[in-house]
C-alpha cells in the first residue's frame, strides 16, 4: 500500500509541475477566467485539483484552424488559383527545359567512349 501511495504522490507532483510550467509558458491570449499569476497560485495551492481546473477551465484550447500546418505553394489551391494560364504554361516550359538540361548533363557525364574501337 505504501508503494502505491508513493507512486501516486510522485505522479501528483509531476502533474503539478507540468501544469505550473504550462501556466507560465502559455500566452496571455489563451488564458481565461483569471490572470496567469492567479492561475499559477491556484495550481500550487491546490496541486491536482488546481492543475485540472487550469487544463479544463483556464486554458483556451487550440482549434483545428490554429493548428493547421503551412501548405507548400504547389499544394495550396488559393495560390494556384491566382496563377494565370500563361504563368502555368511558362512554369511547365521551364520544367521541360530543366529536364532537357539535366539529360544533357547526364549524357556528358557518361564515361563510355563513343567509338567502340578505341
Protein backbone atom coordinates (compact mmCIF):
# COMPACT_ATOMS: atom_id res chain seq x y z
CA UNK A 1 0.00 0.00 0.00
CA UNK A 2 2.87 2.34 0.81
CA UNK A 3 4.36 1.85 -2.65
CA UNK A 4 1.08 2.78 -4.31
CA UNK A 5 0.86 5.96 -2.23
CA UNK A 6 4.45 6.88 -3.13
CA UNK A 7 3.75 6.33 -6.84
CA UNK A 8 0.57 8.41 -6.63
CA UNK A 9 2.45 11.16 -4.80
CA UNK A 10 5.16 11.23 -7.48
CA UNK A 11 2.51 11.38 -10.21
CA UNK A 12 0.72 14.24 -8.40
CA UNK A 13 3.98 16.18 -8.01
CA UNK A 14 4.90 15.64 -11.68
CA UNK A 15 1.41 16.73 -12.79
CA UNK A 16 1.58 19.84 -10.61
CA UNK A 17 4.98 20.79 -12.00
CA UNK A 18 3.75 20.21 -15.55
CA UNK A 19 0.66 22.38 -15.10
CA UNK A 20 2.63 25.10 -13.29
CA UNK A 21 5.13 25.32 -16.16
CA UNK A 22 2.25 25.21 -18.64
CA UNK A 23 0.62 28.19 -16.89
CA UNK A 24 3.87 30.13 -17.04
CA UNK A 25 4.55 29.37 -20.71
CA UNK A 26 1.02 29.85 -22.05
CA UNK A 27 0.39 33.07 -23.99
CA UNK A 28 -1.85 35.58 -22.22
CA UNK A 29 -4.31 35.49 -25.11
CA UNK A 30 -5.01 31.80 -24.37
CA UNK A 31 -5.79 32.30 -20.64
CA UNK A 32 -9.37 32.71 -19.49
CA UNK A 33 -11.20 33.34 -16.22
CA UNK A 34 -8.22 34.62 -14.15
CA UNK A 35 -4.85 36.24 -14.80
CA UNK A 36 -1.86 33.93 -15.23
CA UNK A 37 -0.41 34.81 -11.82
CA UNK A 38 -3.63 33.76 -10.09
CA UNK A 39 -3.73 30.52 -12.07
CA UNK A 40 -0.15 29.78 -11.03
CA UNK A 41 -1.14 30.38 -7.41
CA UNK A 42 -4.20 28.07 -7.75
CA UNK A 43 -2.09 25.30 -9.32
CA UNK A 44 0.44 25.48 -6.45
CA UNK A 45 -2.18 25.89 -3.70
CA UNK A 46 -4.42 23.03 -4.92
CA UNK A 47 -1.93 20.61 -6.52
CA UNK A 48 -4.06 18.14 -8.50
CA UNK A 49 -7.39 19.98 -8.50
CA UNK A 50 -5.74 23.27 -9.49
CA UNK A 51 -3.99 21.58 -12.39
CA UNK A 52 -7.21 20.01 -13.59
CA UNK A 53 -9.01 23.35 -13.29
CA UNK A 54 -6.23 25.00 -15.29
CA UNK A 55 -6.42 22.45 -18.09
CA UNK A 56 -10.21 22.35 -18.37
CA UNK A 57 -11.25 25.90 -17.40
CA UNK A 58 -8.29 28.25 -17.54
CA UNK A 59 -6.62 27.42 -20.83
CA UNK A 60 -8.22 28.11 -24.19
CA UNK A 61 -7.84 25.07 -26.37
CA UNK A 62 -6.43 25.32 -29.85
CA UNK A 63 -8.88 24.99 -32.68
CA UNK A 64 -8.25 22.93 -35.79
CA UNK A 65 -7.73 26.14 -37.79
CA UNK A 66 -5.00 27.39 -35.47
CA UNK A 67 -3.22 24.03 -35.63
CA UNK A 68 -3.25 23.90 -39.44
CA UNK A 69 0.14 23.29 -40.92
CA UNK A 70 1.52 25.60 -43.60
CA UNK A 71 0.98 24.40 -47.14
CA UNK A 72 3.58 24.49 -49.88
CA UNK A 73 2.67 26.84 -52.77
CA UNK A 74 2.27 23.97 -55.21
CA UNK A 75 -0.25 22.30 -52.87
CA UNK A 76 -2.17 25.45 -51.93
CA UNK A 77 -5.35 25.82 -54.02
CA UNK A 78 -5.56 29.51 -53.15
CA UNK A 79 -2.10 30.17 -54.55
CA UNK A 80 -2.68 28.04 -57.63
CA UNK A 81 -5.91 29.86 -58.43
CA UNK A 82 -4.02 33.18 -58.54
CA UNK A 83 -1.74 31.90 -61.27
CA UNK A 84 -2.82 32.70 -64.80
CA UNK A 85 -2.76 30.18 -67.64
CA UNK A 86 0.32 31.91 -69.08
CA UNK A 87 2.24 31.54 -65.83
CA UNK A 88 1.31 27.85 -65.63
CA UNK A 89 2.45 27.31 -69.25
CA UNK A 90 5.68 29.23 -68.55
CA UNK A 91 6.34 27.10 -65.49
CA UNK A 92 5.73 23.90 -67.48
CA UNK A 93 8.11 25.17 -70.17
CA UNK A 94 10.78 25.88 -67.56
CA UNK A 95 10.33 22.39 -66.11
CA UNK A 96 10.75 20.85 -69.57
CA UNK A 97 13.87 22.94 -70.23
CA UNK A 98 15.33 21.90 -66.89
CA UNK A 99 14.61 18.24 -67.67
CA UNK A 100 16.40 18.55 -71.05
CA UNK A 101 19.42 20.25 -69.45
CA UNK A 102 19.66 17.52 -66.82
CA UNK A 103 19.53 14.89 -69.55
CA UNK A 104 22.31 16.66 -71.49
CA UNK A 105 24.46 16.78 -68.35
CA UNK A 106 23.83 13.11 -67.72
CA UNK A 107 24.85 12.33 -71.31
CA UNK A 108 28.06 14.36 -70.91
CA UNK A 109 28.89 12.54 -67.67
CA UNK A 110 28.56 9.18 -69.38
CA UNK A 111 32.05 7.55 -69.34
CA UNK A 112 31.53 5.11 -72.18
CA UNK A 113 33.51 6.06 -75.34
CA UNK A 114 31.52 6.93 -78.46
CA UNK A 115 33.86 4.89 -80.76
CA UNK A 116 33.93 1.19 -79.74
CA UNK A 117 37.33 0.60 -81.49
CA UNK A 118 39.21 2.89 -79.08
